[in-house]
Amino acid sequence: MKGRRDEQMRRIFFLVFLCAMFVSKADASNIRTSIVSYVSGSDTVSAYLAEPAGGGKHPALIVIHEWWGLTDWIKQNARDFAGKGYVAMAIDLYRGALASTSQNAYRLMVSVPKERGISDLEAAFNYLSSMKDVDPTKIGVIGWCMGGSYSFEAATSLPKLAACVIDYGDVDTSSTVVERIKCPVLCNFAELDKTYTPQMGKAFSEAMENHGKKIEFHVYPNVNHAFMNPNNPSVFNEAQAAEAWKIIFAFLDKNLK
């Protein structure tokens, strides 16, 4: 009897394995990925590019990493965007470096001159605009933490940007800066975040509204900074991350498709 149950379990496991392999291959067949290079100032910068496999013009996204660098999670996000029909370009502000500790991450983050980061964003936008499968009028940006801060910088520096998502990043409420923002903005902040507080996000949202700008502002309850990243188990919140992704895709689909 035990041998029969074991044989049944082996068959079930094998069928599940085959199904998983099929789904994985089916998902992979819907996108294509590559490492591309583009010129930013006097530098040549690498980026991870994920594209829908189908033809025609697609909306596009500049994807900006956290202070850890261009990690596998950021690359997975780019692939997920491609699976939803976006050409996603995950740029590398660190020129290949990755951080394994908070101390190293901080050193890498502060080593990036702000002007160079903005130049990288502008060059990435131009690269996407030149791609034959990208609609240059439908390019957005998204970033988390440090990347959220640079997503804000993109909104203030790229007048042709079509959408901006700031996930717990730094923002500026000054009139001269807010006035430069031409695209709709989505802000996602964490209630317990002590770095980029929800109060900062609220003040920015009010400044945007006072200038007649399009803004969506969300505070996620009982979560801390970086709650969307599953590689940070001490702060990751699956339920709130799922809600944030739902809101992000709805916002992007509304403004880029």
C-alpha atoms as a PDB file:
ATOM      1  CA  MET A   1       0.000   0.000   0.000  1.00  0.00           C
ATOM      2  CA  LYS A   2       2.822   2.372   0.934  1.00  0.00           C
ATOM      3  CA  GLY A   3       4.629   1.608  -2.322  1.00  0.00           C
ATOM      4  CA  ARG A   4       1.484   2.439  -4.281  1.00  0.00           C
ATOM      5  CA  ARG A   5       1.081   5.776  -2.478  1.00  0.00           C
ATOM      6  CA  ASP A   6       4.739   6.579  -3.124  1.00  0.00           C
ATOM      7  CA  GLU A   7       4.284   5.827  -6.819  1.00  0.00           C
ATOM      8  CA  GLN A   8       1.215   8.074  -6.958  1.00  0.00           C
ATOM      9  CA  MET A   9       3.125  10.887  -5.248  1.00  0.00           C
ATOM     10  CA  ARG A  10       5.988  10.499  -7.718  1.00  0.00           C
ATOM     11  CA  ARG A  11       3.562  10.788 -10.632  1.00  0.00           C
ATOM     12  CA  ILE A  12       1.891  13.854  -9.119  1.00  0.00           C
ATOM     13  CA  PHE A  13       5.267  15.482  -8.518  1.00  0.00           C
ATOM     14  CA  PHE A  14       6.318  14.738 -12.091  1.00  0.00           C
ATOM     15  CA  LEU A  15       3.115  16.257 -13.515  1.00  0.00           C
ATOM     16  CA  VAL A  16       3.518  19.363 -11.347  1.00  0.00           C
ATOM     17  CA  PHE A  17       7.129  19.634 -12.499  1.00  0.00           C
ATOM     18  CA  LEU A  18       6.113  19.395 -16.149  1.00  0.00           C
ATOM     19  CA  CYS A  19       3.414  22.044 -15.653  1.00  0.00           C
ATOM     20  CA  ALA A  20       5.902  24.352 -13.950  1.00  0.00           C
ATOM     21  CA  MET A  21       8.383  23.876 -16.770  1.00  0.00           C
ATOM     22  CA  PHE A  22       5.690  24.622 -19.350  1.00  0.00           C
ATOM     23  CA  VAL A  23       4.538  27.774 -17.571  1.00  0.00           C
ATOM     24  CA  SER A  24       8.124  28.951 -17.152  1.00  0.00           C
ATOM     25  CA  LYS A  25       8.890  28.436 -20.829  1.00  0.00           C
ATOM     26  CA  ALA A  26       5.588  29.992 -21.876  1.00  0.00           C
ATOM     27  CA  ASP A  27       6.279  33.065 -19.765  1.00  0.00           C
ATOM     28  CA  ALA A  28       9.838  33.327 -21.077  1.00  0.00           C
ATOM     29  CA  SER A  29       8.611  33.079 -24.659  1.00  0.00           C
ATOM     30  CA  ASN A  30       6.530  36.230 -24.181  1.00  0.00           C
ATOM     31  CA  ILE A  31       9.555  38.430 -23.564  1.00  0.00           C
ATOM     32  CA  ARG A  32      13.160  38.806 -24.635  1.00  0.00           C
ATOM     33  CA  THR A  33      15.979  40.199 -22.526  1.00  0.00           C
ATOM     34  CA  SER A  34      19.385  41.640 -23.302  1.00  0.00           C
ATOM     35  CA  ILE A  35      22.160  43.799 -21.909  1.00  0.00           C
ATOM     36  CA  VAL A  36      22.404  47.071 -23.794  1.00  0.00           C
ATOM     37  CA  SER A  37      24.786  50.019 -23.626  1.00  0.00           C
ATOM     38  CA  TYR A  38      24.148  53.709 -24.096  1.00  0.00           C
ATOM     39  CA  VAL A  39      26.203  56.863 -23.846  1.00  0.00           C
ATOM     40  CA  SER A  40      25.661  59.222 -20.901  1.00  0.00           C
ATOM     41  CA  GLY A  41      27.958  62.216 -20.972  1.00  0.00           C
ATOM     42  CA  SER A  42      31.462  60.802 -21.294  1.00  0.00           C
ATOM     43  CA  ASP A  43      30.423  57.376 -19.926  1.00  0.00           C
ATOM     44  CA  THR A  44      29.117  54.227 -21.514  1.00  0.00           C
ATOM     45  CA  VAL A  45      26.391  52.807 -19.291  1.00  0.00           C
ATOM     46  CA  SER A  46      24.950  49.287 -19.268  1.00  0.00           C
ATOM     47  CA  ALA A  47      21.287  48.487 -18.705  1.00  0.00           C
ATOM     48  CA  TYR A  48      19.115  45.391 -18.491  1.00  0.00           C
ATOM     49  CA  LEU A  49      16.444  45.509 -21.190  1.00  0.00           C
ATOM     50  CA  ALA A  50      13.267  43.417 -21.167  1.00  0.00           C
ATOM     51  CA  GLU A  51      10.907  43.626 -24.156  1.00  0.00           C
ATOM     52  CA  PRO A  52       7.577  42.072 -25.137  1.00  0.00           C
ATOM     53  CA  ALA A  53       8.071  39.532 -27.895  1.00  0.00           C
ATOM     54  CA  GLY A  54       5.216  40.860 -30.021  1.00  0.00           C
ATOM     55  CA  GLY A  55       5.631  43.439 -32.765  1.00  0.00           C
ATOM     56  CA  GLY A  56       4.347  46.983 -32.930  1.00  0.00           C
ATOM     57  CA  LYS A  57       4.898  50.003 -30.754  1.00  0.00           C
ATOM     58  CA  HIS A  58       4.923  49.535 -26.978  1.00  0.00           C
ATOM     59  CA  PRO A  59       4.916  51.875 -23.995  1.00  0.00           C
ATOM     60  CA  ALA A  60       8.209  51.890 -22.112  1.00  0.00           C
ATOM     61  CA  LEU A  61       9.609  52.325 -18.620  1.00  0.00           C
ATOM     62  CA  ILE A  62      12.902  53.435 -17.149  1.00  0.00           C
ATOM     63  CA  VAL A  63      13.339  51.190 -14.095  1.00  0.00           C
ATOM     64  CA  ILE A  64      15.598  52.547 -11.329  1.00  0.00           C
ATOM     65  CA  HIS A  65      17.172  50.362  -8.654  1.00  0.00           C
ATOM     66  CA  GLU A  66      17.376  50.761  -4.886  1.00  0.00           C
ATOM     67  CA  TRP A  67      20.631  51.586  -3.124  1.00  0.00           C
ATOM     68  CA  TRP A  68      21.657  47.914  -3.457  1.00  0.00           C
ATOM     69  CA  GLY A  69      22.260  48.342  -7.183  1.00  0.00           C
ATOM     70  CA  LEU A  70      20.923  46.533 -10.231  1.00  0.00           C
ATOM     71  CA  THR A  71      19.895  43.359  -8.390  1.00  0.00           C
ATOM     72  CA  ASP A  72      18.029  40.287  -9.571  1.00  0.00           C
ATOM     73  CA  TRP A  73      14.839  41.696  -8.014  1.00  0.00           C
ATOM     74  CA  ILE A  74      15.043  44.816 -10.156  1.00  0.00           C
ATOM     75  CA  LYS A  75      15.693  42.669 -13.236  1.00  0.00           C
ATOM     76  CA  GLN A  76      12.696  40.517 -12.338  1.00  0.00           C
ATOM     77  CA  ASN A  77      10.569  43.635 -12.091  1.00  0.00           C
ATOM     78  CA  ALA A  78      11.738  44.620 -15.580  1.00  0.00           C
ATOM     79  CA  ARG A  79      10.719  41.192 -16.890  1.00  0.00           C
ATOM     80  CA  ASP A  80       7.345  41.484 -15.160  1.00  0.00           C
ATOM     81  CA  PHE A  81       6.769  44.843 -16.852  1.00  0.00           C
ATOM     82  CA  ALA A  82       7.696  43.323 -20.209  1.00  0.00           C
ATOM     83  CA  GLY A  83       5.189  40.542 -19.558  1.00  0.00           C
ATOM     84  CA  LYS A  84       2.551  43.270 -19.160  1.00  0.00           C
ATOM     85  CA  GLY A  85       3.427  44.822 -22.519  1.00  0.00           C
ATOM     86  CA  TYR A  86       6.072  47.408 -21.544  1.00  0.00           C
ATOM     87  CA  VAL A  87       9.602  47.769 -22.848  1.00  0.00           C
ATOM     88  CA  ALA A  88      11.450  48.006 -19.526  1.00  0.00           C
ATOM     89  CA  MET A  89      14.991  49.350 -19.262  1.00  0.00           C
ATOM     90  CA  ALA A  90      16.582  48.806 -15.838  1.00  0.00           C
ATOM     91  CA  ILE A  91      19.486  51.238 -15.711  1.00  0.00           C
ATOM     92  CA  ASP A  92      22.644  50.791 -13.652  1.00  0.00           C
ATOM     93  CA  LEU A  93      23.599  53.953 -11.787  1.00  0.00           C
ATOM     94  CA  TYR A  94      26.485  52.104 -10.100  1.00  0.00           C
ATOM     95  CA  ARG A  95      28.325  51.025 -13.249  1.00  0.00           C
ATOM     96  CA  GLY A  96      28.197  47.343 -12.310  1.00  0.00           C
ATOM     97  CA  ALA A  97      28.743  47.557  -8.540  1.00  0.00           C
ATOM     98  CA  LEU A  98      26.415  45.789  -6.093  1.00  0.00           C
ATOM     99  CA  ALA A  99      26.104  46.230  -2.334  1.00  0.00           C
ATOM    100  CA  SER A 100      25.747  43.385   0.150  1.00  0.00           C
ATOM    101  CA  THR A 101      25.531  45.473   3.336  1.00  0.00           C
ATOM    102  CA  SER A 102      23.745  48.677   4.269  1.00  0.00           C
ATOM    103  CA  GLN A 103      27.085  50.372   4.821  1.00  0.00           C
ATOM    104  CA  ASN A 104      28.278  49.499   1.322  1.00  0.00           C
ATOM    105  CA  ALA A 105      24.929  50.481  -0.149  1.00  0.00           C
ATOM    106  CA  TYR A 106      25.130  53.892   1.490  1.00  0.00           C
ATOM    107  CA  ARG A 107      28.683  54.442   0.222  1.00  0.00           C
ATOM    108  CA  LEU A 108      27.656  53.526  -3.304  1.00  0.00           C
ATOM    109  CA  MET A 109      24.571  55.734  -3.187  1.00  0.00           C
ATOM    110  CA  VAL A 110      26.446  58.859  -2.056  1.00  0.00           C
ATOM    111  CA  SER A 111      29.230  58.178  -4.576  1.00  0.00           C
ATOM    112  CA  VAL A 112      26.859  58.889  -7.483  1.00  0.00           C
ATOM    113  CA  PRO A 113      26.937  62.598  -8.380  1.00  0.00           C
ATOM    114  CA  LYS A 114      23.364  63.795  -8.777  1.00  0.00           C
ATOM    115  CA  GLU A 115      24.196  65.434 -12.118  1.00  0.00           C
ATOM    116  CA  ARG A 116      25.564  62.134 -13.441  1.00  0.00           C
ATOM    117  CA  GLY A 117      22.443  60.291 -12.314  1.00  0.00           C
ATOM    118  CA  ILE A 118      20.204  62.779 -14.088  1.00  0.00           C
ATOM    119  CA  SER A 119      22.382  62.516 -17.198  1.00  0.00           C
ATOM    120  CA  ASP A 120      21.919  58.725 -17.093  1.00  0.00           C
ATOM    121  CA  LEU A 121      18.143  59.201 -16.938  1.00  0.00           C
ATOM    122  CA  GLU A 122      18.095  61.607 -19.863  1.00  0.00           C
ATOM    123  CA  ALA A 123      20.278  59.286 -21.932  1.00  0.00           C
ATOM    124  CA  ALA A 124      18.079  56.297 -21.057  1.00  0.00           C
ATOM    125  CA  PHE A 125      14.986  58.236 -22.138  1.00  0.00           C
ATOM    126  CA  ASN A 126      16.656  59.093 -25.447  1.00  0.00           C
ATOM    127  CA  TYR A 127      17.697  55.471 -25.958  1.00  0.00           C
ATOM    128  CA  LEU A 128      14.157  54.221 -25.436  1.00  0.00           C
ATOM    129  CA  SER A 129      12.759  56.968 -27.666  1.00  0.00           C
ATOM    130  CA  SER A 130      15.006  55.769 -30.504  1.00  0.00           C
ATOM    131  CA  MET A 131      13.888  52.131 -30.305  1.00  0.00           C
ATOM    132  CA  LYS A 132      11.684  50.998 -33.171  1.00  0.00           C
ATOM    133  CA  ASP A 133       9.308  49.066 -30.898  1.00  0.00           C
ATOM    134  CA  VAL A 134       8.773  51.946 -28.441  1.00  0.00           C
ATOM    135  CA  ASP A 135       6.154  54.686 -28.636  1.00  0.00           C
ATOM    136  CA  PRO A 136       8.250  57.743 -27.663  1.00  0.00           C
ATOM    137  CA  THR A 137       5.160  59.546 -26.361  1.00  0.00           C
ATOM    138  CA  LYS A 138       4.491  56.735 -23.832  1.00  0.00           C
ATOM    139  CA  ILE A 139       7.647  56.516 -21.728  1.00  0.00           C
ATOM    140  CA  GLY A 140       7.416  56.457 -17.939  1.00  0.00           C
ATOM    141  CA  VAL A 141       9.723  55.909 -14.979  1.00  0.00           C
ATOM    142  CA  ILE A 142       9.567  53.921 -11.758  1.00  0.00           C
ATOM    143  CA  GLY A 143      11.992  53.547  -8.859  1.00  0.00           C
ATOM    144  CA  TRP A 144      12.243  52.391  -5.255  1.00  0.00           C
ATOM    145  CA  CYS A 145      14.102  54.057  -2.358  1.00  0.00           C
ATOM    146  CA  MET A 146      17.129  55.707  -3.998  1.00  0.00           C
ATOM    147  CA  GLY A 147      15.461  54.847  -7.293  1.00  0.00           C
ATOM    148  CA  GLY A 148      12.285  56.553  -6.122  1.00  0.00           C
ATOM    149  CA  SER A 149      14.300  59.708  -5.515  1.00  0.00           C
ATOM    150  CA  TYR A 150      15.731  59.521  -9.019  1.00  0.00           C
ATOM    151  CA  SER A 151      12.270  58.833 -10.393  1.00  0.00           C
ATOM    152  CA  PHE A 152      11.272  62.185  -8.918  1.00  0.00           C
ATOM    153  CA  GLU A 153      14.348  63.768 -10.547  1.00  0.00           C
ATOM    154  CA  ALA A 154      13.295  62.289 -13.882  1.00  0.00           C
ATOM    155  CA  ALA A 155       9.861  63.903 -13.562  1.00  0.00           C
ATOM    156  CA  THR A 156      11.474  67.301 -13.000  1.00  0.00           C
ATOM    157  CA  SER A 157      14.132  66.878 -15.715  1.00  0.00           C
ATOM    158  CA  LEU A 158      12.340  65.109 -18.582  1.00  0.00           C
ATOM    159  CA  PRO A 159       9.518  67.292 -19.929  1.00  0.00           C
ATOM    160  CA  LYS A 160       8.369  64.579 -22.359  1.00  0.00           C
ATOM    161  CA  LEU A 161       7.996  61.917 -19.668  1.00  0.00           C
ATOM    162  CA  ALA A 162       4.471  60.447 -19.700  1.00  0.00           C
ATOM    163  CA  ALA A 163       4.235  58.979 -16.185  1.00  0.00           C
ATOM    164  CA  CYS A 164       6.227  58.768 -12.962  1.00  0.00           C
ATOM    165  CA  VAL A 165       6.030  56.304 -10.058  1.00  0.00           C
ATOM    166  CA  ILE A 166       7.864  57.190  -6.835  1.00  0.00           C
ATOM    167  CA  ASP A 167       8.078  54.325  -4.361  1.00  0.00           C
ATOM    168  CA  TYR A 168       9.208  55.722  -1.005  1.00  0.00           C
ATOM    169  CA  GLY A 169      11.716  58.206  -2.423  1.00  0.00           C
ATOM    170  CA  ASP A 170      12.798  61.769  -1.748  1.00  0.00           C
ATOM    171  CA  VAL A 171      10.637  64.611  -3.088  1.00  0.00           C
ATOM    172  CA  ASP A 172      10.753  68.409  -3.192  1.00  0.00           C
ATOM    173  CA  THR A 173       7.784  70.694  -2.580  1.00  0.00           C
ATOM    174  CA  SER A 174       9.302  73.969  -3.783  1.00  0.00           C
ATOM    175  CA  SER A 175       7.214  75.775  -6.379  1.00  0.00           C
ATOM    176  CA  THR A 176      10.021  76.139  -8.910  1.00  0.00           C
ATOM    177  CA  VAL A 177      10.631  72.377  -8.870  1.00  0.00           C
ATOM    178  CA  VAL A 178       7.004  71.227  -8.830  1.00  0.00           C
ATOM    179  CA  GLU A 179       6.201  73.561 -11.703  1.00  0.00           C
ATOM    180  CA  ARG A 180       8.659  71.655 -13.912  1.00  0.00           C
ATOM    181  CA  ILE A 181       6.715  68.395 -13.576  1.00  0.00           C
ATOM    182  CA  LYS A 182       4.560  67.829 -16.657  1.00  0.00           C
ATOM    183  CA  CYS A 183       3.448  64.198 -16.213  1.00  0.00           C
ATOM    184  CA  PRO A 184       1.059  62.419 -13.839  1.00  0.00           C
ATOM    185  CA  VAL A 185       2.787  61.142 -10.683  1.00  0.00           C
ATOM    186  CA  LEU A 186       2.033  58.210  -8.389  1.00  0.00           C
ATOM    187  CA  CYS A 187       3.556  58.272  -4.886  1.00  0.00           C
ATOM    188  CA  ASN A 188       3.669  55.170  -2.679  1.00  0.00           C
ATOM    189  CA  PHE A 189       4.827  55.763   0.897  1.00  0.00           C
ATOM    190  CA  ALA A 190       5.073  53.524   3.977  1.00  0.00           C
ATOM    191  CA  GLU A 191       3.344  54.565   7.183  1.00  0.00           C
ATOM    192  CA  LEU A 192       6.307  53.628   9.416  1.00  0.00           C
ATOM    193  CA  ASP A 193       9.057  54.958   7.140  1.00  0.00           C
ATOM    194  CA  LYS A 194      11.415  57.250   9.045  1.00  0.00           C
ATOM    195  CA  THR A 195      13.563  58.074   5.995  1.00  0.00           C
ATOM    196  CA  TYR A 196      11.002  59.185   3.434  1.00  0.00           C
ATOM    197  CA  THR A 197       8.055  59.809   5.710  1.00  0.00           C
ATOM    198  CA  PRO A 198       4.406  59.814   4.636  1.00  0.00           C
ATOM    199  CA  GLN A 199       4.297  63.428   5.801  1.00  0.00           C
ATOM    200  CA  MET A 200       6.853  64.255   3.102  1.00  0.00           C
ATOM    201  CA  GLY A 201       4.708  62.501   0.537  1.00  0.00           C
ATOM    202  CA  LYS A 202       1.576  64.276   1.698  1.00  0.00           C
ATOM    203  CA  ALA A 203       3.268  67.696   1.504  1.00  0.00           C
ATOM    204  CA  PHE A 204       4.442  66.910  -2.024  1.00  0.00           C
ATOM    205  CA  SER A 205       0.974  65.728  -3.022  1.00  0.00           C
ATOM    206  CA  GLU A 206      -0.553  68.955  -1.732  1.00  0.00           C
ATOM    207  CA  ALA A 207       2.064  71.027  -3.573  1.00  0.00           C
ATOM    208  CA  MET A 208       1.262  69.173  -6.798  1.00  0.00           C
ATOM    209  CA  GLU A 209      -2.465  69.747  -6.344  1.00  0.00           C
ATOM    210  CA  ASN A 210      -1.895  73.441  -5.590  1.00  0.00           C
ATOM    211  CA  HIS A 211      -0.083  73.751  -8.936  1.00  0.00           C
ATOM    212  CA  GLY A 212      -2.796  71.889 -10.833  1.00  0.00           C
ATOM    213  CA  LYS A 213      -0.646  68.803 -11.360  1.00  0.00           C
ATOM    214  CA  LYS A 214      -1.935  65.220 -11.599  1.00  0.00           C
ATOM    215  CA  ILE A 215      -0.997  63.236  -8.500  1.00  0.00           C
ATOM    216  CA  GLU A 216      -2.000  59.975  -6.799  1.00  0.00           C
ATOM    217  CA  PHE A 217      -0.757  59.543  -3.249  1.00  0.00           C
ATOM    218  CA  HIS A 218      -0.981  56.350  -1.187  1.00  0.00           C
ATOM    219  CA  VAL A 219       0.205  55.497   2.316  1.00  0.00           C
ATOM    220  CA  TYR A 220       0.434  51.792   3.134  1.00  0.00           C
ATOM    221  CA  PRO A 221      -0.482  51.074   6.779  1.00  0.00           C
ATOM    222  CA  ASN A 222       1.756  49.306   9.296  1.00  0.00           C
ATOM    223  CA  VAL A 223       4.690  48.834   6.925  1.00  0.00           C
ATOM    224  CA  ASN A 224       8.184  50.254   6.800  1.00  0.00           C
ATOM    225  CA  HIS A 225      10.623  51.465   4.169  1.00  0.00           C
ATOM    226  CA  ALA A 226      11.322  48.912   1.385  1.00  0.00           C
ATOM    227  CA  PHE A 227       8.183  46.899   2.187  1.00  0.00           C
ATOM    228  CA  MET A 228       7.845  45.902  -1.476  1.00  0.00           C
ATOM    229  CA  ASN A 229      11.147  44.015  -1.725  1.00  0.00           C
ATOM    230  CA  PRO A 230      10.835  40.300  -0.802  1.00  0.00           C
ATOM    231  CA  ASN A 231      14.615  40.136  -0.329  1.00  0.00           C
ATOM    232  CA  ASN A 232      14.213  42.280   2.806  1.00  0.00           C
ATOM    233  CA  PRO A 233      12.355  39.799   5.040  1.00  0.00           C
ATOM    234  CA  SER A 234      12.457  42.078   8.096  1.00  0.00           C
ATOM    235  CA  VAL A 235      10.263  44.678   6.346  1.00  0.00           C
ATOM    236  CA  PHE A 236       8.664  42.907   3.383  1.00  0.00           C
ATOM    237  CA  ASN A 237       4.882  42.782   3.582  1.00  0.00           C
ATOM    238  CA  GLU A 238       3.314  40.506   0.998  1.00  0.00           C
ATOM    239  CA  ALA A 239      -0.227  41.847   1.274  1.00  0.00           C
ATOM    240  CA  GLN A 240       0.727  45.523   1.098  1.00  0.00           C
ATOM    241  CA  ALA A 241       3.248  44.857  -1.681  1.00  0.00           C
ATOM    242  CA  ALA A 242       0.527  43.146  -3.711  1.00  0.00           C
ATOM    243  CA  GLU A 243      -1.745  46.144  -3.177  1.00  0.00           C
ATOM    244  CA  ALA A 244       1.030  48.510  -4.259  1.00  0.00           C
ATOM    245  CA  TRP A 245       1.659  46.521  -7.428  1.00  0.00           C
ATOM    246  CA  LYS A 246      -2.058  46.548  -8.220  1.00  0.00           C
ATOM    247  CA  ILE A 247      -2.113  50.341  -7.898  1.00  0.00           C
ATOM    248  CA  ILE A 248       1.115  50.737  -9.893  1.00  0.00           C
ATOM    249  CA  PHE A 249      -0.098  48.692 -12.855  1.00  0.00           C
ATOM    250  CA  ALA A 250      -3.457  50.457 -12.878  1.00  0.00           C
ATOM    251  CA  PHE A 251      -1.707  53.837 -12.897  1.00  0.00           C
ATOM    252  CA  LEU A 252       0.729  52.858 -15.651  1.00  0.00           C
ATOM    253  CA  ASP A 253      -1.955  51.275 -17.804  1.00  0.00           C
ATOM    254  CA  LYS A 254      -4.080  54.418 -17.441  1.00  0.00           C
ATOM    255  CA  ASN A 255      -1.295  56.799 -18.419  1.00  0.00           C
ATOM    256  CA  LEU A 256       0.869  54.792 -20.816  1.00  0.00           C
ATOM    257  CA  LYS A 257      -1.542  52.541 -22.701  1.00  0.00           C
END
